[in-house]
Amino acid sequence: MKPDRIIVVGGNAAGPAAAAKAKRVNPSAQVIMFEAGNYISTGTCEIPYVISGEIKDYEDIVYFSAASFKESKGVDVYVNHIVEDIKRKEKIVVVRDLIDNSIKEFSYDTLVLTTGSTARLIPGFDKEYKNIFTLKNISDLIKAENYISLESVKKAIIIGSGYIGIEACEAMNKLGLEVTLLEKEPLPLPTAEKEISEKVVGILKSSSITFLSSIPPVEPIVKNEKIIAVKMDEKIIETDLAIIAIGFKPNTYLAQKAKLEISKKGTIKVDRKLRTSDRNIFAAGDNIEFVNRITNKPDYFPLATYARSFGHIAGENAAGGNVNAEPVIRNVSVKIFDSFYASVGITGKEAEFYGIGFSSVTAEVRNLVNVMPGSRKVFGKIIFNRENKKILGASFLGGREVSGYADLLSSLIYLSQPINMLEMIDYNYTPPLSPFTNLLYVLSRKSGKKSN
């Protein structure tokens, strides 16, 4: 029997995907989505580009309002409503209206938890100071934009040099601020291949970013509820604002309160149907782990692309479907000033961690023939299984072409192809668009000459 009422908790990425899919699969069901914030279906990844002014207004990254989502998808949406508890035995959610503080109860037949993730914070920086920001949602964006527009801001400190930290650096730089980037590891983009991270150091330097690595624990120096400097041992760096960008953690508070099973990594434990330890409750998005197709181990990828695709699966199954969530291949990219970085599969460090014997090959060639405008160097590294030569992962740093390289490698990893397959592909060539000799071809040829 198909459910009559499906409730979705959380209104970004996985939530709207789950709600819309559930309604398509089961049109006769009432589908309700609750979101604690003011907005649903927002473009979190675009936030740094709103701050920099490349995207003109935050409303441009709000893709649906509650009313337009209802009209388009047939889903009842409640914003500013937080689900505070789940009565699993009675199949009821307890919801607080954050505007009038009233509490209501809603029954459900199936429930989908798409509660996402929250920004990780640093002790001492986790209080409500006026000029310490994270960049996780529209509210964070509005708070940061308002402060920058109203105050005299000349210096910014970014703590954390992962994807968000790097993007925040560029955003602050475009606003004309003096930017200092702090990282506890020796190199920026600490999850990247070493060769990539070393090149990023040069990009940061040429972009007038002060990069300080291997830093000791950081303490804020605060005056009048504002951070005015940070202290690292005896070193003090003055600042007008700070952005904390040290990653995200799964938001499982509601699941834990409902006594659902939680994984060792702190995510909601789900099966291949994305069903939790309660057969009537599903979960998707940044609050769950995925199976890594290469290692066949659980992995945590808090990315919008996976949140959306797994939201569709959870929504379909909550509506009465029977779809399996397949293992995934991590495929990510980030803009680093005038360059782009893309990574697909696993890195050498990850292969070592999982005990996979591997070899690697690197190359740097031009993305266009050198007489063409826009021609520049692009770096690539591929790691592959030492025994069967199957591709395990790849990293690229160059122009926009790196996204296409990563997508092609993702396909080959999915198909369990060896690295020499890259020599057999017929690559496109036209002078303004693509090189005569493709980087992937060069990498494959070089791999055949390696003995280890």
Protein backbone atom coordinates (compact mmCIF):
# COMPACT_ATOMS: atom_id res chain seq x y z
CA MET A 1 0.00 0.00 0.00
CA LYS A 2 1.32 3.43 -0.94
CA PRO A 3 1.53 6.06 1.81
CA ASP A 4 -1.11 8.78 2.06
CA ARG A 5 1.10 11.39 3.74
CA ILE A 6 4.84 11.85 3.26
CA ILE A 7 6.72 14.40 5.35
CA VAL A 8 10.14 15.76 4.40
CA VAL A 9 12.27 17.52 7.03
CA GLY A 10 14.70 20.00 5.47
CA GLY A 11 14.30 22.29 2.47
CA ASN A 12 17.65 22.47 0.67
CA ALA A 13 19.08 20.20 -2.04
CA ALA A 14 18.02 16.74 -0.82
CA GLY A 15 14.72 17.94 0.67
CA PRO A 16 13.14 19.52 -2.42
CA ALA A 17 14.46 16.64 -4.54
CA ALA A 18 12.86 14.09 -2.22
CA ALA A 19 9.58 15.97 -1.92
CA ALA A 20 9.18 16.58 -5.65
CA LYS A 21 10.08 12.99 -6.51
CA ALA A 22 7.68 11.59 -3.91
CA LYS A 23 4.84 13.64 -5.37
CA ARG A 24 5.66 12.49 -8.93
CA VAL A 25 5.78 8.84 -7.90
CA ASN A 26 2.66 9.04 -5.75
CA PRO A 27 0.50 11.95 -7.00
CA SER A 28 -2.40 11.10 -4.69
CA ALA A 29 -0.27 11.45 -1.54
CA GLN A 30 -0.03 14.64 0.46
CA VAL A 31 3.63 15.66 0.57
CA ILE A 32 4.68 18.20 3.20
CA MET A 33 8.13 19.78 3.54
CA PHE A 34 9.29 21.65 6.64
CA GLU A 35 12.23 24.07 6.61
CA ALA A 36 13.53 25.84 9.72
CA GLY A 37 14.96 28.77 7.76
CA ASN A 38 13.36 31.47 5.63
CA TYR A 39 14.31 29.91 2.30
CA ILE A 40 14.15 26.63 0.42
CA SER A 41 15.98 25.34 -2.64
CA THR A 42 18.94 27.69 -2.40
CA GLY A 43 22.30 27.59 -4.16
CA THR A 44 24.74 27.17 -1.29
CA CYS A 45 27.71 26.67 -3.64
CA GLU A 46 27.05 30.09 -5.18
CA ILE A 47 27.33 32.02 -1.89
CA PRO A 48 30.97 33.19 -2.32
CA TYR A 49 30.09 34.57 -5.75
CA VAL A 50 27.25 36.64 -4.32
CA ILE A 51 29.63 38.12 -1.75
CA SER A 52 32.18 38.97 -4.46
CA GLY A 53 29.48 40.65 -6.57
CA GLU A 54 29.77 38.22 -9.49
CA ILE A 55 26.17 37.23 -8.72
CA LYS A 56 24.26 40.45 -8.12
CA ASP A 57 21.71 39.50 -5.46
CA TYR A 58 21.17 36.67 -3.00
CA GLU A 59 17.62 36.31 -4.29
CA ASP A 60 19.15 35.08 -7.57
CA ILE A 61 20.22 31.88 -5.80
CA VAL A 62 16.82 31.19 -4.23
CA TYR A 63 15.39 28.93 -6.90
CA PHE A 64 11.93 28.36 -5.40
CA SER A 65 9.78 30.11 -2.84
CA ALA A 66 7.36 28.08 -0.74
CA ALA A 67 4.52 29.27 -2.97
CA SER A 68 6.26 28.58 -6.29
CA PHE A 69 7.35 25.12 -5.13
CA LYS A 70 3.76 24.35 -4.17
CA GLU A 71 2.54 25.56 -7.56
CA SER A 72 5.23 23.76 -9.54
CA LYS A 73 5.60 20.52 -7.59
CA GLY A 74 2.36 20.14 -5.65
CA VAL A 75 4.17 20.02 -2.30
CA ASP A 76 2.95 21.85 0.82
CA VAL A 77 5.88 23.87 2.16
CA TYR A 78 6.27 25.38 5.62
CA VAL A 79 9.25 27.71 6.07
CA ASN A 80 10.28 28.98 9.52
CA HIS A 81 9.02 25.69 10.92
CA ILE A 82 11.42 23.45 12.81
CA VAL A 83 10.72 19.80 13.52
CA GLU A 84 11.66 19.35 17.16
CA ASP A 85 10.78 15.72 17.77
CA ILE A 86 9.64 12.50 16.14
CA LYS A 87 7.17 10.26 17.94
CA ARG A 88 8.09 7.11 16.09
CA LYS A 89 5.52 4.83 17.70
CA GLU A 90 2.64 7.17 16.84
CA LYS A 91 4.28 8.27 13.54
CA ILE A 92 3.98 11.96 14.43
CA VAL A 93 6.39 14.89 14.06
CA VAL A 94 6.30 17.77 16.53
CA VAL A 95 6.75 21.09 14.73
CA ARG A 96 7.42 24.57 16.13
CA ASP A 97 6.37 27.66 14.17
CA LEU A 98 9.35 29.97 14.66
CA ILE A 99 7.25 33.07 13.92
CA ASP A 100 4.55 32.71 16.58
CA ASN A 101 6.26 29.96 18.65
CA SER A 102 3.22 27.69 18.44
CA ILE A 103 3.63 23.91 18.39
CA LYS A 104 1.69 21.55 16.15
CA GLU A 105 1.75 17.83 15.49
CA PHE A 106 1.58 16.23 12.04
CA SER A 107 1.06 12.55 11.39
CA TYR A 108 2.97 10.76 8.64
CA ASP A 109 3.00 7.44 6.87
CA THR A 110 6.61 7.85 5.78
CA LEU A 111 9.19 10.43 6.76
CA VAL A 112 12.32 11.65 4.96
CA LEU A 113 15.08 13.32 6.96
CA THR A 114 17.07 15.73 4.80
CA THR A 115 18.50 17.77 7.66
CA GLY A 116 21.80 18.37 5.87
CA SER A 117 24.97 19.49 7.59
CA THR A 118 26.20 22.32 9.76
CA ALA A 119 29.43 24.29 9.60
CA ARG A 120 32.21 23.05 11.84
CA LEU A 121 33.36 25.69 14.30
CA ILE A 122 36.50 26.37 16.31
CA PRO A 123 36.41 26.75 20.11
CA GLY A 124 36.36 30.44 20.89
CA PHE A 125 34.93 31.31 17.47
CA ASP A 126 31.59 29.60 18.15
CA LYS A 127 29.89 32.53 19.87
CA GLU A 128 27.58 35.10 18.27
CA TYR A 129 30.14 37.74 17.42
CA LYS A 130 29.15 40.42 14.93
CA ASN A 131 31.94 39.78 12.43
CA ILE A 132 32.71 36.06 12.58
CA PHE A 133 30.96 34.23 9.76
CA THR A 134 30.43 30.85 8.21
CA LEU A 135 29.17 30.50 4.63
CA LYS A 136 26.63 27.69 4.90
CA ASN A 137 23.27 29.22 4.05
CA ILE A 138 21.43 32.34 2.90
CA SER A 139 21.21 33.69 6.45
CA ASP A 140 25.00 33.49 6.75
CA LEU A 141 25.31 35.27 3.41
CA ILE A 142 22.97 38.11 4.37
CA LYS A 143 24.73 38.57 7.71
CA ALA A 144 28.15 38.80 6.04
CA GLU A 145 26.97 41.10 3.24
CA ASN A 146 25.24 43.46 5.64
CA TYR A 147 28.31 43.74 7.85
CA ILE A 148 30.70 44.34 4.96
CA SER A 149 28.43 47.00 3.44
CA LEU A 150 27.86 48.89 6.69
CA GLU A 151 31.25 48.70 8.40
CA SER A 152 34.73 49.85 7.48
CA VAL A 153 36.29 46.55 6.48
CA LYS A 154 39.84 46.43 5.14
CA LYS A 155 41.25 43.14 6.40
CA ALA A 156 39.86 39.61 6.46
CA ILE A 157 41.09 36.37 7.95
CA ILE A 158 39.94 33.05 6.51
CA ILE A 159 40.49 29.97 8.68
CA GLY A 160 40.62 26.79 6.63
CA SER A 161 41.95 26.38 3.09
CA GLY A 162 39.56 23.79 1.70
CA TYR A 163 37.09 24.54 -1.09
CA ILE A 164 35.03 27.09 0.86
CA GLY A 165 38.10 28.78 2.32
CA ILE A 166 39.71 29.17 -1.11
CA GLU A 167 36.49 30.57 -2.60
CA ALA A 168 36.09 32.93 0.37
CA CYS A 169 39.65 34.21 -0.21
CA GLU A 170 38.84 35.13 -3.77
CA ALA A 171 35.55 36.78 -2.77
CA MET A 172 37.26 38.95 -0.14
CA ASN A 173 40.08 39.72 -2.57
CA LYS A 174 37.61 40.92 -5.22
CA LEU A 175 36.16 43.29 -2.62
CA GLY A 176 39.60 44.84 -2.24
CA LEU A 177 40.33 43.44 1.21
CA GLU A 178 43.72 42.41 2.54
CA VAL A 179 43.30 38.65 3.01
CA THR A 180 45.16 36.24 5.28
CA LEU A 181 44.47 32.52 4.91
CA LEU A 182 45.25 30.26 7.88
CA GLU A 183 45.71 26.49 7.61
CA LYS A 184 46.77 23.96 10.25
CA GLU A 185 48.19 21.60 7.60
CA PRO A 186 51.44 22.31 5.70
CA LEU A 187 49.70 23.05 2.37
CA PRO A 188 46.39 24.51 1.14
CA LEU A 189 43.68 22.18 -0.14
CA PRO A 190 44.98 19.54 2.29
CA THR A 191 42.86 16.74 0.79
CA ALA A 192 44.35 17.31 -2.68
CA GLU A 193 47.39 15.66 -4.21
CA LYS A 194 50.62 17.29 -3.00
CA GLU A 195 51.54 18.48 -6.51
CA ILE A 196 48.23 20.35 -6.76
CA SER A 197 48.54 21.93 -3.31
CA GLU A 198 52.06 23.14 -4.06
CA LYS A 199 50.83 24.86 -7.21
CA VAL A 200 47.96 26.44 -5.25
CA VAL A 201 50.53 28.07 -2.94
CA GLY A 202 51.88 29.90 -5.98
CA ILE A 203 48.41 30.94 -7.12
CA LEU A 204 47.61 32.37 -3.68
CA LYS A 205 50.89 34.29 -3.58
CA SER A 206 50.42 35.76 -7.05
CA SER A 207 46.89 36.80 -6.03
CA SER A 208 48.19 38.79 -3.02
CA ILE A 209 46.86 36.32 -0.44
CA THR A 210 48.98 35.89 2.68
CA PHE A 211 49.03 32.14 3.32
CA LEU A 212 50.15 30.86 6.73
CA SER A 213 50.40 27.09 7.10
CA SER A 214 51.06 24.63 9.94
CA ILE A 215 49.55 27.15 12.31
CA PRO A 216 49.10 26.46 16.05
CA PRO A 217 45.65 26.71 17.65
CA VAL A 218 44.00 30.06 16.96
CA GLU A 219 42.31 32.29 19.54
CA PRO A 220 40.09 35.29 18.80
CA ILE A 221 40.79 38.65 20.36
CA VAL A 222 37.42 40.31 20.85
CA LYS A 223 36.33 43.84 21.68
CA ASN A 224 32.72 45.09 21.81
CA GLU A 225 31.41 41.75 20.49
CA LYS A 226 33.69 42.00 17.45
CA ILE A 227 36.83 40.11 16.57
CA ILE A 228 39.71 42.56 16.17
CA ALA A 229 42.58 40.10 15.83
CA VAL A 230 43.58 36.45 16.10
CA LYS A 231 46.35 35.10 18.31
CA MET A 232 48.57 32.12 17.45
CA ASP A 233 51.09 31.52 20.24
CA GLU A 234 52.81 34.92 20.41
CA LYS A 235 51.79 36.05 16.91
CA ILE A 236 48.85 38.47 16.61
CA ILE A 237 47.18 39.34 13.30
CA GLU A 238 44.69 42.20 13.20
CA THR A 239 41.49 41.77 11.22
CA ASP A 240 38.11 43.36 10.57
CA LEU A 241 36.30 40.05 10.10
CA ALA A 242 36.87 36.30 10.15
CA ILE A 243 35.36 33.51 8.07
CA ILE A 244 35.47 29.99 9.48
CA ALA A 245 35.78 27.45 6.67
CA ILE A 246 36.98 24.20 8.24
CA GLY A 247 34.30 21.96 6.76
CA PHE A 248 30.89 20.56 7.61
CA LYS A 249 29.46 17.91 9.91
CA PRO A 250 26.23 15.94 9.50
CA ASN A 251 23.19 17.41 11.22
CA THR A 252 21.76 14.40 13.04
CA TYR A 253 20.31 16.04 16.14
CA LEU A 254 16.73 15.08 15.28
CA ALA A 255 17.70 11.54 14.32
CA GLN A 256 19.62 11.07 17.55
CA LYS A 257 16.73 12.43 19.57
CA ALA A 258 14.47 9.91 17.83
CA LYS A 259 17.00 7.18 18.71
CA LEU A 260 17.68 6.22 15.11
CA GLU A 261 20.89 4.30 14.51
CA ILE A 262 23.94 6.52 13.92
CA SER A 263 27.12 5.42 12.11
CA LYS A 264 30.66 5.60 13.49
CA LYS A 265 31.22 8.76 11.46
CA GLY A 266 28.21 10.43 13.04
CA THR A 267 25.83 10.11 10.09
CA ILE A 268 22.36 8.59 10.00
CA LYS A 269 22.77 4.91 9.18
CA VAL A 270 20.78 3.86 6.10
CA ASP A 271 20.47 0.79 3.89
CA ARG A 272 20.58 0.70 0.10
CA LYS A 273 16.98 1.95 -0.03
CA LEU A 274 18.07 4.89 2.17
CA ARG A 275 15.83 3.51 4.90
CA THR A 276 16.98 4.19 8.46
CA SER A 277 16.72 1.81 11.41
CA ASP A 278 13.01 2.72 11.40
CA ARG A 279 11.41 1.18 8.31
CA ASN A 280 9.07 4.19 7.91
CA ILE A 281 11.85 6.79 8.01
CA PHE A 282 14.31 7.50 5.18
CA ALA A 283 17.28 9.88 5.02
CA ALA A 284 19.30 11.58 2.29
CA GLY A 285 21.83 14.35 1.79
CA ASP A 286 24.66 15.61 3.95
CA ASN A 287 23.37 13.68 6.96
CA ILE A 288 24.22 10.23 5.52
CA GLU A 289 27.25 8.37 4.19
CA PHE A 290 27.60 6.94 0.71
CA VAL A 291 29.43 3.83 -0.40
CA ASN A 292 32.57 4.80 -2.30
CA ARG A 293 32.57 2.83 -5.55
CA ILE A 294 36.36 2.49 -5.58
CA THR A 295 37.01 1.42 -1.99
CA ASN A 296 33.58 -0.15 -1.40
CA LYS A 297 33.69 1.54 2.02
CA PRO A 298 31.33 4.11 3.57
CA ASP A 299 32.45 7.66 2.83
CA TYR A 300 31.18 11.14 3.60
CA PHE A 301 30.65 13.52 0.67
CA PRO A 302 28.69 16.65 1.76
CA LEU A 303 28.04 17.80 -1.80
CA ALA A 304 24.87 19.19 -3.38
CA THR A 305 25.05 16.86 -6.38
CA TYR A 306 24.87 13.74 -4.23
CA ALA A 307 22.27 15.31 -1.95
CA ARG A 308 19.98 15.88 -4.91
CA SER A 309 20.42 12.45 -6.51
CA PHE A 310 20.02 10.58 -3.24
CA GLY A 311 17.10 12.84 -2.34
CA HIS A 312 15.34 11.54 -5.45
CA ILE A 313 15.94 7.95 -4.32
CA ALA A 314 14.73 8.56 -0.76
CA GLY A 315 11.66 10.41 -2.05
CA GLU A 316 10.77 7.64 -4.48
CA ASN A 317 11.12 4.92 -1.87
CA ALA A 318 9.21 6.93 0.73
CA ALA A 319 6.39 7.18 -1.83
CA GLY A 320 6.26 3.41 -2.28
CA GLY A 321 9.10 2.83 -4.74
CA ASN A 322 11.85 0.23 -4.60
CA VAL A 323 15.08 1.85 -5.83
CA ASN A 324 18.62 1.12 -4.67
CA ALA A 325 21.22 3.78 -3.97
CA GLU A 326 24.32 2.86 -5.95
CA PRO A 327 27.93 3.46 -4.84
CA VAL A 328 29.32 6.82 -5.90
CA ILE A 329 32.51 8.25 -7.34
CA ARG A 330 33.58 11.54 -5.78
CA ASN A 331 33.81 14.22 -8.47
CA VAL A 332 34.46 17.75 -7.21
CA SER A 333 35.89 21.01 -8.50
CA VAL A 334 36.64 24.51 -7.28
CA LYS A 335 37.66 27.83 -8.83
CA ILE A 336 40.98 29.14 -7.54
CA PHE A 337 41.26 32.71 -8.83
CA ASP A 338 42.09 32.33 -12.55
CA SER A 339 42.50 28.56 -12.33
CA PHE A 340 40.21 25.60 -11.77
CA TYR A 341 40.87 22.43 -9.78
CA ALA A 342 39.01 19.17 -10.32
CA SER A 343 39.40 15.86 -8.52
CA VAL A 344 37.69 12.56 -9.28
CA GLY A 345 37.88 9.19 -7.57
CA ILE A 346 40.41 8.74 -4.77
CA THR A 347 43.81 10.34 -4.17
CA GLY A 348 47.11 8.63 -3.53
CA LYS A 349 46.78 9.36 0.19
CA GLU A 350 43.41 7.61 0.23
CA ALA A 351 44.75 4.64 -1.73
CA GLU A 352 47.52 4.27 0.85
CA PHE A 353 45.00 4.49 3.69
CA TYR A 354 42.91 1.68 2.20
CA GLY A 355 45.92 -0.46 1.38
CA ILE A 356 45.51 -0.27 -2.40
CA GLY A 357 48.75 -0.71 -4.33
CA PHE A 358 48.96 2.04 -6.92
CA SER A 359 51.17 3.85 -9.38
CA SER A 360 50.81 7.45 -10.51
CA VAL A 361 51.66 9.54 -13.52
CA THR A 362 51.77 13.32 -13.98
CA ALA A 363 51.98 15.63 -16.97
CA GLU A 364 51.61 19.31 -17.78
CA VAL A 365 50.65 20.40 -21.29
CA ARG A 366 48.81 23.27 -22.94
CA ASN A 367 45.03 23.25 -23.08
CA LEU A 368 45.13 24.82 -26.58
CA VAL A 369 47.79 25.01 -29.24
CA ASN A 370 50.20 27.67 -28.04
CA VAL A 371 49.45 30.17 -30.83
CA MET A 372 45.79 30.50 -29.76
CA PRO A 373 44.54 33.23 -27.40
CA GLY A 374 43.78 31.75 -24.00
CA SER A 375 46.33 28.97 -24.32
CA ARG A 376 47.69 27.99 -20.91
CA LYS A 377 49.22 25.06 -19.12
CA VAL A 378 47.06 22.42 -17.45
CA PHE A 379 48.44 19.92 -14.96
CA GLY A 380 47.12 16.41 -14.53
CA LYS A 381 47.79 13.44 -12.27
CA ILE A 382 46.23 10.00 -12.55
CA ILE A 383 46.60 7.20 -10.02
CA PHE A 384 45.90 3.64 -11.08
CA ASN A 385 45.94 0.14 -9.60
CA ARG A 386 49.45 -1.25 -9.81
CA GLU A 387 48.26 -4.77 -10.63
CA ASN A 388 45.34 -4.43 -13.03
CA LYS A 389 46.04 -0.83 -14.18
CA LYS A 390 42.44 0.25 -13.49
CA ILE A 391 42.04 3.99 -12.95
CA LEU A 392 41.51 4.90 -9.28
CA GLY A 393 41.47 8.68 -9.41
CA ALA A 394 42.72 11.83 -11.08
CA SER A 395 43.39 15.48 -10.30
CA PHE A 396 43.66 18.45 -12.64
CA LEU A 397 44.61 22.12 -12.31
CA GLY A 398 44.19 24.48 -15.24
CA GLY A 399 41.35 26.14 -17.12
CA ARG A 400 37.70 25.23 -17.49
CA GLU A 401 38.62 22.07 -19.40
CA VAL A 402 39.44 20.29 -16.11
CA SER A 403 35.74 19.68 -15.46
CA GLY A 404 35.43 17.73 -18.70
CA TYR A 405 38.55 15.71 -17.91
CA ALA A 406 37.12 14.78 -14.50
CA ASP A 407 33.77 13.76 -15.98
CA LEU A 408 35.43 11.52 -18.57
CA LEU A 409 37.61 9.91 -15.91
CA SER A 410 34.53 9.39 -13.72
CA SER A 411 32.93 7.43 -16.56
CA LEU A 412 36.03 5.28 -17.04
CA ILE A 413 36.30 4.59 -13.31
CA TYR A 414 32.64 3.57 -13.28
CA LEU A 415 33.35 1.16 -16.14
CA SER A 416 36.48 -0.21 -14.36
CA GLN A 417 38.69 0.74 -17.29
CA PRO A 418 42.51 0.61 -17.29
CA ILE A 419 44.56 3.73 -17.84
CA ASN A 420 45.63 2.69 -21.35
CA MET A 421 42.00 3.16 -22.45
CA LEU A 422 42.84 6.88 -22.54
CA GLU A 423 45.11 6.22 -25.53
CA MET A 424 42.27 4.58 -27.46
CA ILE A 425 39.81 7.47 -27.23
CA ASP A 426 39.27 9.75 -30.23
CA TYR A 427 39.64 13.25 -28.81
CA ASN A 428 38.07 16.36 -30.26
CA TYR A 429 40.38 18.98 -31.73
CA THR A 430 39.79 22.49 -32.98
CA PRO A 431 42.29 25.31 -32.27
CA PRO A 432 40.03 27.72 -30.30
CA LEU A 433 38.53 24.93 -28.16
CA SER A 434 40.83 21.95 -27.64
CA PRO A 435 44.46 20.89 -28.01
CA PHE A 436 45.97 18.84 -30.80
CA THR A 437 47.40 16.41 -28.22
CA ASN A 438 45.09 15.85 -25.27
CA LEU A 439 46.47 15.82 -21.73
CA LEU A 440 44.73 12.50 -21.02
CA TYR A 441 46.47 10.89 -23.99
CA VAL A 442 49.83 12.16 -22.73
CA LEU A 443 49.18 10.80 -19.24
CA SER A 444 48.23 7.40 -20.61
CA ARG A 445 51.34 7.20 -22.81
CA LYS A 446 53.56 8.14 -19.88
CA SER A 447 51.93 5.52 -17.64
CA GLY A 448 53.02 2.78 -20.02
CA LYS A 449 56.64 3.80 -19.49
CA LYS A 450 56.46 3.66 -15.69
CA SER A 451 57.89 0.63 -13.97
CA ASN A 452 56.38 1.26 -10.55
